[in-house]
PDB file of N, CA and C in Angstrom:
ATOM      1  N   MET A   1       2.037  -9.199  -6.963  1.00  0.00           N
ATOM      2  CA  MET A   1       2.978  -8.745  -6.987  1.00  0.00           C
ATOM      3  C   MET A   1       3.770  -7.518  -7.903  1.00  0.00           C
ATOM      4  N   LEU A   2       3.227  -7.936  -9.006  1.00  0.00           N
ATOM      5  CA  LEU A   2       3.670  -7.120 -10.421  1.00  0.00           C
ATOM      6  C   LEU A   2       3.243  -6.019 -10.092  1.00  0.00           C
ATOM      7  N   PHE A   3       1.711  -5.615  -9.791  1.00  0.00           N
ATOM      8  CA  PHE A   3       0.950  -4.839  -9.790  1.00  0.00           C
ATOM      9  C   PHE A   3       1.628  -3.594  -8.491  1.00  0.00           C
ATOM     10  N   VAL A   4       1.898  -4.345  -7.597  1.00  0.00           N
ATOM     11  CA  VAL A   4       2.594  -3.288  -6.379  1.00  0.00           C
ATOM     12  C   VAL A   4       3.570  -2.944  -6.982  1.00  0.00           C
ATOM     13  N   CYS A   5       4.659  -3.802  -7.532  1.00  0.00           N
ATOM     14  CA  CYS A   5       6.117  -3.175  -7.565  1.00  0.00           C
ATOM     15  C   CYS A   5       5.566  -1.978  -8.936  1.00  0.00           C
ATOM     16  N   LEU A   6       4.546  -2.346  -9.755  1.00  0.00           N
ATOM     17  CA  LEU A   6       4.105  -1.347 -10.860  1.00  0.00           C
ATOM     18  C   LEU A   6       3.886  -0.069 -10.050  1.00  0.00           C
ATOM     19  N   GLY A   7       2.861  -0.033  -9.014  1.00  0.00           N
ATOM     20  CA  GLY A   7       2.604   0.847  -8.662  1.00  0.00           C
ATOM     21  C   GLY A   7       3.836   1.835  -8.112  1.00  0.00           C
ATOM     22  N   VAL A   8       4.804   0.907  -7.358  1.00  0.00           N
ATOM     23  CA  VAL A   8       6.027   1.754  -6.761  1.00  0.00           C
ATOM     24  C   VAL A   8       6.488   2.826  -8.094  1.00  0.00           C
ATOM     25  N   LEU A   9       6.739   1.993  -8.981  1.00  0.00           N
ATOM     26  CA  LEU A   9       7.563   2.683 -10.031  1.00  0.00           C
ATOM     27  C   LEU A   9       7.104   3.576 -10.702  1.00  0.00           C
ATOM     28  N   LEU A  10       5.667   3.342 -10.985  1.00  0.00           N
ATOM     29  CA  LEU A  10       4.548   4.838 -11.330  1.00  0.00           C
ATOM     30  C   LEU A  10       4.809   5.999 -10.466  1.00  0.00           C
ATOM     31  N   GLY A  11       5.015   5.621  -9.419  1.00  0.00           N
ATOM     32  CA  GLY A  11       4.927   6.617  -8.358  1.00  0.00           C
ATOM     33  C   GLY A  11       6.029   7.233  -8.478  1.00  0.00           C
ATOM     34  N   ALA A  12       7.184   6.382  -8.326  1.00  0.00           N
ATOM     35  CA  ALA A  12       8.833   7.040  -8.665  1.00  0.00           C
ATOM     36  C   ALA A  12       9.304   8.057  -9.764  1.00  0.00           C
ATOM     37  N   VAL A  13       8.467   7.639 -10.463  1.00  0.00           N
ATOM     38  CA  VAL A  13       8.691   8.198 -11.936  1.00  0.00           C
ATOM     39  C   VAL A  13       7.720   9.178 -12.129  1.00  0.00           C
ATOM     40  N   GLY A  14       6.763   9.665 -11.448  1.00  0.00           N
ATOM     41  CA  GLY A  14       5.601  10.643 -11.182  1.00  0.00           C
ATOM     42  C   GLY A  14       4.824  10.466 -12.163  1.00  0.00           C
ATOM     43  N   ILE A  15       4.297   9.365 -12.653  1.00  0.00           N
ATOM     44  CA  ILE A  15       3.021   8.916 -13.466  1.00  0.00           C
ATOM     45  C   ILE A  15       1.683   8.589 -12.582  1.00  0.00           C
ATOM     46  N   TYR A  16       1.873   7.996 -11.512  1.00  0.00           N
ATOM     47  CA  TYR A  16       0.875   7.630 -10.629  1.00  0.00           C
ATOM     48  C   TYR A  16      -0.091   8.682 -10.107  1.00  0.00           C
ATOM     49  N   GLU A  17       0.551   9.738  -9.587  1.00  0.00           N
ATOM     50  CA  GLU A  17       0.231  10.888  -8.871  1.00  0.00           C
ATOM     51  C   GLU A  17      -1.025  11.766  -9.825  1.00  0.00           C
ATOM     52  N   PRO A  18      -0.617  11.935 -10.967  1.00  0.00           N
ATOM     53  CA  PRO A  18      -1.614  12.724 -12.019  1.00  0.00           C
ATOM     54  C   PRO A  18      -2.694  11.613 -11.937  1.00  0.00           C
ATOM     55  N   LEU A  19      -2.488  10.476 -12.360  1.00  0.00           N
ATOM     56  CA  LEU A  19      -3.555   9.612 -12.533  1.00  0.00           C
ATOM     57  C   LEU A  19      -4.531   9.441 -11.251  1.00  0.00           C
ATOM     58  N   VAL A  20      -4.038   9.461 -10.147  1.00  0.00           N
ATOM     59  CA  VAL A  20      -4.568   9.545  -8.845  1.00  0.00           C
ATOM     60  C   VAL A  20      -5.463  10.801  -8.940  1.00  0.00           C
ATOM     61  N   GLU A  21      -5.003  11.867  -9.302  1.00  0.00           N
ATOM     62  CA  GLU A  21      -5.959  13.313  -9.504  1.00  0.00           C
ATOM     63  C   GLU A  21      -7.099  12.818 -10.408  1.00  0.00           C
ATOM     64  N   PHE A  22      -6.572  12.332 -11.793  1.00  0.00           N
ATOM     65  CA  PHE A  22      -7.674  12.199 -12.903  1.00  0.00           C
ATOM     66  C   PHE A  22      -8.687  11.060 -12.195  1.00  0.00           C
ATOM     67  N   ALA A  23      -8.524  10.067 -12.083  1.00  0.00           N
ATOM     68  CA  ALA A  23      -9.384   8.943 -12.126  1.00  0.00           C
ATOM     69  C   ALA A  23     -10.187   8.883 -10.216  1.00  0.00           C
ATOM     70  N   GLY A  24      -9.656   9.718  -9.315  1.00  0.00           N
ATOM     71  CA  GLY A  24      -9.734   9.563  -8.185  1.00  0.00           C
ATOM     72  C   GLY A  24      -9.831   8.461  -7.072  1.00  0.00           C
ATOM     73  N   ARG A  25     -10.478   8.279  -6.562  1.00  0.00           N
ATOM     74  CA  ARG A  25     -10.223   7.071  -5.409  1.00  0.00           C
ATOM     75  C   ARG A  25     -10.172   5.453  -6.582  1.00  0.00           C
ATOM     76  N   GLY A  26     -10.565   5.872  -7.489  1.00  0.00           N
ATOM     77  CA  GLY A  26     -10.313   4.357  -8.076  1.00  0.00           C
ATOM     78  C   GLY A  26      -9.360   3.925  -8.472  1.00  0.00           C
ATOM     79  N   ALA A  27      -8.273   4.963  -8.340  1.00  0.00           N
ATOM     80  CA  ALA A  27      -7.041   4.329  -8.957  1.00  0.00           C
ATOM     81  C   ALA A  27      -5.910   4.018  -7.745  1.00  0.00           C
ATOM     82  N   THR A  28      -6.603   4.382  -6.526  1.00  0.00           N
ATOM     83  CA  THR A  28      -5.890   4.000  -5.377  1.00  0.00           C
ATOM     84  C   THR A  28      -6.377   2.575  -4.833  1.00  0.00           C
ATOM     85  N   VAL A  29      -6.899   1.895  -5.495  1.00  0.00           N
ATOM     86  CA  VAL A  29      -7.515   0.658  -5.393  1.00  0.00           C
ATOM     87  C   VAL A  29      -6.273  -0.517  -5.039  1.00  0.00           C
ATOM     88  N   PRO A  30      -6.632  -1.848  -4.422  1.00  0.00           N
ATOM     89  CA  PRO A  30      -5.526  -2.562  -4.175  1.00  0.00           C
ATOM     90  C   PRO A  30      -4.402  -3.103  -4.988  1.00  0.00           C
ATOM     91  N   LEU A  31      -3.481  -3.452  -4.693  1.00  0.00           N
ATOM     92  CA  LEU A  31      -2.151  -4.013  -5.502  1.00  0.00           C
ATOM     93  C   LEU A  31      -1.534  -2.769  -6.088  1.00  0.00           C
ATOM     94  N   SER A  32      -2.058  -1.951  -7.232  1.00  0.00           N
ATOM     95  CA  SER A  32      -1.185  -0.650  -7.720  1.00  0.00           C
ATOM     96  C   SER A  32      -1.290   0.640  -6.726  1.00  0.00           C
ATOM     97  N   GLY A  33      -2.254   0.591  -6.187  1.00  0.00           N
ATOM     98  CA  GLY A  33      -3.042   1.460  -5.280  1.00  0.00           C
ATOM     99  C   GLY A  33      -2.116   1.461  -3.993  1.00  0.00           C
ATOM    100  N   PHE A  34      -1.720   0.072  -3.490  1.00  0.00           N
ATOM    101  CA  PHE A  34      -0.991  -0.203  -2.233  1.00  0.00           C
ATOM    102  C   PHE A  34       0.584   0.182  -2.632  1.00  0.00           C
ATOM    103  N   GLY A  35       1.320  -0.315  -3.871  1.00  0.00           N
ATOM    104  CA  GLY A  35       2.311  -0.065  -4.064  1.00  0.00           C
ATOM    105  C   GLY A  35       2.620   1.472  -4.103  1.00  0.00           C
ATOM    106  N   PHE A  36       1.804   2.286  -4.642  1.00  0.00           N
ATOM    107  CA  PHE A  36       1.585   3.646  -4.472  1.00  0.00           C
ATOM    108  C   PHE A  36       1.872   4.324  -3.269  1.00  0.00           C
ATOM    109  N   SER A  37       0.886   3.996  -2.493  1.00  0.00           N
ATOM    110  CA  SER A  37       0.892   4.348  -1.085  1.00  0.00           C
ATOM    111  C   SER A  37       2.208   3.978  -0.188  1.00  0.00           C
ATOM    112  N   ILE A  38       2.914   3.060  -0.644  1.00  0.00           N
ATOM    113  CA  ILE A  38       4.139   2.377  -0.152  1.00  0.00           C
ATOM    114  C   ILE A  38       5.423   3.572  -0.498  1.00  0.00           C
ATOM    115  N   TYR A  39       4.966   3.805  -1.674  1.00  0.00           N
ATOM    116  CA  TYR A  39       5.813   4.748  -2.506  1.00  0.00           C
ATOM    117  C   TYR A  39       5.965   5.995  -1.774  1.00  0.00           C
ATOM    118  N   LYS A  40       4.771   6.489  -1.280  1.00  0.00           N
ATOM    119  CA  LYS A  40       4.214   7.977  -0.961  1.00  0.00           C
ATOM    120  C   LYS A  40       5.005   7.725   0.480  1.00  0.00           C
ATOM    121  N   GLY A  41       4.696   6.797   1.150  1.00  0.00           N
ATOM    122  CA  GLY A  41       5.035   6.901   2.806  1.00  0.00           C
ATOM    123  C   GLY A  41       6.655   6.685   2.472  1.00  0.00           C
ATOM    124  N   VAL A  42       7.338   6.213   1.926  1.00  0.00           N
ATOM    125  CA  VAL A  42       8.704   6.513   1.799  1.00  0.00           C
ATOM    126  C   VAL A  42       9.403   7.484   1.534  1.00  0.00           C
ATOM    127  N   ARG A  43       9.078   7.833   0.467  1.00  0.00           N
ATOM    128  CA  ARG A  43       9.255   9.308   0.341  1.00  0.00           C
ATOM    129  C   ARG A  43       9.314  10.234   1.285  1.00  0.00           C
ATOM    130  N   GLU A  44       7.881  10.554   1.870  1.00  0.00           N
ATOM    131  CA  GLU A  44       7.583  11.281   3.057  1.00  0.00           C
ATOM    132  C   GLU A  44       8.778  11.142   4.320  1.00  0.00           C
ATOM    133  N   ALA A  45       8.891   9.841   4.394  1.00  0.00           N
ATOM    134  CA  ALA A  45       9.801   9.370   5.844  1.00  0.00           C
ATOM    135  C   ALA A  45      11.194   9.559   5.025  1.00  0.00           C
ATOM    136  N   ILE A  46      11.453   9.829   4.124  1.00  0.00           N
ATOM    137  CA  ILE A  46      13.409   9.944   3.432  1.00  0.00           C
ATOM    138  C   ILE A  46      13.261  11.565   3.756  1.00  0.00           C
ATOM    139  N   ASP A  47      11.944  12.362   3.110  1.00  0.00           N
ATOM    140  CA  ASP A  47      12.341  13.702   3.514  1.00  0.00           C
ATOM    141  C   ASP A  47      12.434  14.265   5.014  1.00  0.00           C
ATOM    142  N   GLU A  48      11.699  13.675   5.862  1.00  0.00           N
ATOM    143  CA  GLU A  48      11.421  13.870   7.532  1.00  0.00           C
ATOM    144  C   GLU A  48      12.609  13.502   7.716  1.00  0.00           C
ATOM    145  N   ASN A  49      13.251  12.014   7.815  1.00  0.00           N
ATOM    146  CA  ASN A  49      14.138  11.219   8.807  1.00  0.00           C
ATOM    147  C   ASN A  49      15.674  11.014   7.883  1.00  0.00           C
ATOM    148  N   GLY A  50      15.665  10.952   6.778  1.00  0.00           N
ATOM    149  CA  GLY A  50      16.885  10.908   5.891  1.00  0.00           C
ATOM    150  C   GLY A  50      16.993   9.308   5.602  1.00  0.00           C
ATOM    151  N   PHE A  51      18.060   8.695   5.502  1.00  0.00           N
ATOM    152  CA  PHE A  51      18.131   7.393   5.185  1.00  0.00           C
ATOM    153  C   PHE A  51      17.395   6.481   5.642  1.00  0.00           C
ATOM    154  N   SER A  52      17.301   6.740   7.005  1.00  0.00           N
ATOM    155  CA  SER A  52      16.397   5.708   7.883  1.00  0.00           C
ATOM    156  C   SER A  52      14.764   5.742   7.410  1.00  0.00           C
ATOM    157  N   GLY A  53      14.190   6.845   6.568  1.00  0.00           N
ATOM    158  CA  GLY A  53      13.277   6.628   6.288  1.00  0.00           C
ATOM    159  C   GLY A  53      12.872   5.858   5.182  1.00  0.00           C
ATOM    160  N   ILE A  54      14.142   4.912   4.466  1.00  0.00           N
ATOM    161  CA  ILE A  54      13.766   4.097   3.728  1.00  0.00           C
ATOM    162  C   ILE A  54      12.977   2.737   4.392  1.00  0.00           C
ATOM    163  N   PHE A  55      13.483   2.323   5.507  1.00  0.00           N
ATOM    164  CA  PHE A  55      13.191   1.126   6.342  1.00  0.00           C
ATOM    165  C   PHE A  55      11.896   1.317   7.065  1.00  0.00           C
ATOM    166  N   THR A  56      11.408   2.788   7.355  1.00  0.00           N
ATOM    167  CA  THR A  56      10.414   2.906   8.182  1.00  0.00           C
ATOM    168  C   THR A  56       8.957   3.544   7.689  1.00  0.00           C
ATOM    169  N   GLY A  57       9.572   4.033   6.405  1.00  0.00           N
ATOM    170  CA  GLY A  57       8.148   4.987   5.515  1.00  0.00           C
ATOM    171  C   GLY A  57       7.406   3.479   4.974  1.00  0.00           C
ATOM    172  N   ALA A  58       7.543   2.568   4.357  1.00  0.00           N
ATOM    173  CA  ALA A  58       6.523   1.543   3.847  1.00  0.00           C
ATOM    174  C   ALA A  58       6.130   1.237   5.185  1.00  0.00           C
ATOM    175  N   LEU A  59       6.663   0.958   6.063  1.00  0.00           N
ATOM    176  CA  LEU A  59       5.461   0.061   7.567  1.00  0.00           C
ATOM    177  C   LEU A  59       4.779   1.081   7.897  1.00  0.00           C
ATOM    178  N   SER A  60       4.808   2.421   7.967  1.00  0.00           N
ATOM    179  CA  SER A  60       3.954   3.638   8.322  1.00  0.00           C
ATOM    180  C   SER A  60       2.683   3.818   7.629  1.00  0.00           C
ATOM    181  N   ALA A  61       3.218   3.569   6.045  1.00  0.00           N
ATOM    182  CA  ALA A  61       2.437   3.937   4.993  1.00  0.00           C
ATOM    183  C   ALA A  61       1.191   3.114   4.805  1.00  0.00           C
ATOM    184  N   ALA A  62       1.693   1.596   5.496  1.00  0.00           N
ATOM    185  CA  ALA A  62       0.867   0.693   4.484  1.00  0.00           C
ATOM    186  C   ALA A  62       0.059   0.018   6.062  1.00  0.00           C
ATOM    187  N   SER A  63       0.314   0.494   7.244  1.00  0.00           N
ATOM    188  CA  SER A  63       0.257  -0.118   8.207  1.00  0.00           C
ATOM    189  C   SER A  63      -1.248  -0.151   8.771  1.00  0.00           C
ATOM    190  N   GLY A  64      -2.217   0.810   7.936  1.00  0.00           N
ATOM    191  CA  GLY A  64      -3.546   0.788   8.432  1.00  0.00           C
ATOM    192  C   GLY A  64      -4.091  -0.142   7.391  1.00  0.00           C
ATOM    193  N   GLY A  65      -3.847  -0.100   5.978  1.00  0.00           N
ATOM    194  CA  GLY A  65      -4.715  -1.470   5.382  1.00  0.00           C
ATOM    195  C   GLY A  65      -4.177  -2.790   5.798  1.00  0.00           C
ATOM    196  N   THR A  66      -2.863  -3.253   6.034  1.00  0.00           N
ATOM    197  CA  THR A  66      -2.317  -4.375   6.305  1.00  0.00           C
ATOM    198  C   THR A  66      -3.076  -4.827   7.672  1.00  0.00           C
ATOM    199  N   THR A  67      -3.047  -4.013   8.827  1.00  0.00           N
ATOM    200  CA  THR A  67      -4.035  -4.219  10.006  1.00  0.00           C
ATOM    201  C   THR A  67      -5.414  -4.473   9.717  1.00  0.00           C
ATOM    202  N   ALA A  68      -6.209  -3.747   9.216  1.00  0.00           N
ATOM    203  CA  ALA A  68      -7.780  -3.997   8.555  1.00  0.00           C
ATOM    204  C   ALA A  68      -7.771  -5.609   7.918  1.00  0.00           C
ATOM    205  N   ALA A  69      -6.764  -5.724   6.891  1.00  0.00           N
ATOM    206  CA  ALA A  69      -6.780  -6.681   6.582  1.00  0.00           C
ATOM    207  C   ALA A  69      -6.588  -8.145   7.359  1.00  0.00           C
ATOM    208  N   LEU A  70      -5.704  -7.935   8.169  1.00  0.00           N
ATOM    209  CA  LEU A  70      -5.654  -9.069   9.344  1.00  0.00           C
ATOM    210  C   LEU A  70      -6.559  -9.548  10.371  1.00  0.00           C
ATOM    211  N   LEU A  71      -7.177  -8.079  10.546  1.00  0.00           N
ATOM    212  CA  LEU A  71      -8.596  -7.939  11.568  1.00  0.00           C
ATOM    213  C   LEU A  71      -9.697  -8.831  11.076  1.00  0.00           C
ATOM    214  N   PHE A  72     -10.246  -8.215   9.583  1.00  0.00           N
ATOM    215  CA  PHE A  72     -11.198  -9.072   8.846  1.00  0.00           C
ATOM    216  C   PHE A  72     -10.952 -10.462   8.866  1.00  0.00           C
ATOM    217  N   GLY A  73      -9.814 -10.660   8.652  1.00  0.00           N
ATOM    218  CA  GLY A  73      -9.434 -12.122   8.238  1.00  0.00           C
ATOM    219  C   GLY A  73      -9.612 -12.782   9.465  1.00  0.00           C
ATOM    220  N   PHE A  74      -9.103 -12.360  10.648  1.00  0.00           N
ATOM    221  CA  PHE A  74      -9.551 -12.844  12.053  1.00  0.00           C
ATOM    222  C   PHE A  74     -11.020 -13.082  12.120  1.00  0.00           C
ATOM    223  N   VAL A  75     -11.931 -12.197  12.157  1.00  0.00           N
ATOM    224  CA  VAL A  75     -13.371 -11.783  12.277  1.00  0.00           C
ATOM    225  C   VAL A  75     -13.654 -13.087  11.524  1.00  0.00           C
ATOM    226  N   ALA A  76     -13.221 -13.259  10.332  1.00  0.00           N
ATOM    227  CA  ALA A  76     -14.160 -14.097   9.190  1.00  0.00           C
ATOM    228  C   ALA A  76     -13.538 -15.699   9.881  1.00  0.00           C
ATOM    229  N   SER A  77     -12.610 -15.570  10.306  1.00  0.00           N
ATOM    230  CA  SER A  77     -11.844 -16.755  10.507  1.00  0.00           C
ATOM    231  C   SER A  77     -13.191 -17.692  11.973  1.00  0.00           C
ATOM    232  N   LEU A  78     -13.647 -16.717  12.460  1.00  0.00           N
ATOM    233  CA  LEU A  78     -14.467 -16.953  13.749  1.00  0.00           C
ATOM    234  C   LEU A  78     -15.780 -17.331  13.222  1.00  0.00           C
ATOM    235  N   PHE A  79     -15.954 -17.260  12.319  1.00  0.00           N
ATOM    236  CA  PHE A  79     -17.534 -17.094  11.677  1.00  0.00           C
ATOM    237  C   PHE A  79     -17.475 -18.666  10.949  1.00  0.00           C
ATOM    238  N   PHE A  80     -16.306 -18.817  10.193  1.00  0.00           N
ATOM    239  CA  PHE A  80     -16.177 -19.774   9.127  1.00  0.00           C
ATOM    240  C   PHE A  80     -14.975 -20.704   9.347  1.00  0.00           C
ATOM    241  N   LYS A  81     -15.480 -21.976   9.025  1.00  0.00           N
ATOM    242  CA  LYS A  81     -14.158 -23.133   9.276  1.00  0.00           C
ATOM    243  C   LYS A  81     -13.751 -23.367   8.127  1.00  0.00           C
ATOM    244  N   GLY A  82     -12.811 -23.502   7.834  1.00  0.00           N
ATOM    245  CA  GLY A  82     -11.804 -24.066   6.876  1.00  0.00           C
ATOM    246  C   GLY A  82     -11.787 -25.348   6.523  1.00  0.00           C
ATOM    247  N   LYS A  83     -11.549 -25.588   5.009  1.00  0.00           N
ATOM    248  CA  LYS A  83     -12.078 -27.148   4.661  1.00  0.00           C
ATOM    249  C   LYS A  83     -10.652 -27.446   3.900  1.00  0.00           C
ATOM    250  N   PRO A  84     -10.113 -28.801   4.401  1.00  0.00           N
ATOM    251  CA  PRO A  84      -8.934 -29.138   3.439  1.00  0.00           C
ATOM    252  C   PRO A  84      -9.333 -29.367   1.939  1.00  0.00           C
ATOM    253  N   LYS A  85      -8.716 -29.177   0.877  1.00  0.00           N
ATOM    254  CA  LYS A  85      -9.189 -29.592  -0.287  1.00  0.00           C
ATOM    255  C   LYS A  85      -8.496 -30.904  -0.509  1.00  0.00           C
TER     256      LYS A  85
END
């Protein structure tokens, strides 16, 4: 949670975008990159829709990664059986 919030904060103050340009796709890896994509989605939605973009931007920006994680988790559960510890 700390790294996701850090990605949002670094994006908000304008530090993360130059880091992405310098490091390339490596800076957009999970956790801090996920927070940065949430920030970008909210920023774009606010520019387009105003105040309501605060609520819709994060969902639209992060929906692809979240959907992929759920789908791959479901497929993995079809092939493997969980065991209680």
